C-alpha cells in the first residue's frame, strides 16, 4: 500500500522534534482530501500507535502552545488529520510558488478551491 511505503521511506521524528519526514498532498477536491485525511488518521503501526500526525498540531505541541501564524488558516479535521484550505507555503516547506502542469487545468476549470494535507511521520 502506497501510504505505508511512504511511511517507511520517510525519516522518523526524533525525541526533541528534530527531523521527521513530511508528506504534503494538494488537491482541488475537498471530498477527496477529507477521505485521504481519514485514511491517514486510521493508519496505525503494529504497536497500535498512529503512523502520521498533522504537522501543525505536532509543531504546536512541541512548542508548548498555540498554532503558529503560518498555520492559522481555515482547516477541518477528518479522522484526526487536518485538511487545510488553500495551498501550502513556506511553513509547509514550499519556499517557492511554481505552476504545475495541473494549474493550467485548474485555472480554466471550475475547480478553483485548493486543499492540502501536511503530515509528519511518527515512529512506528
Foldseek 3Di string as FASTA:
>chain_A
DVVVVVLVVADAQDPLRPGFGKDKDKDLDPVVLLVVQLVQLPDADPVRHRFKAQPQVVVQVSVVHDGDPLQPADWDHHSRFIKGKDDDDVVLPNDDDDDDPCVVVCVPDPRVIMIMTMITGHDD
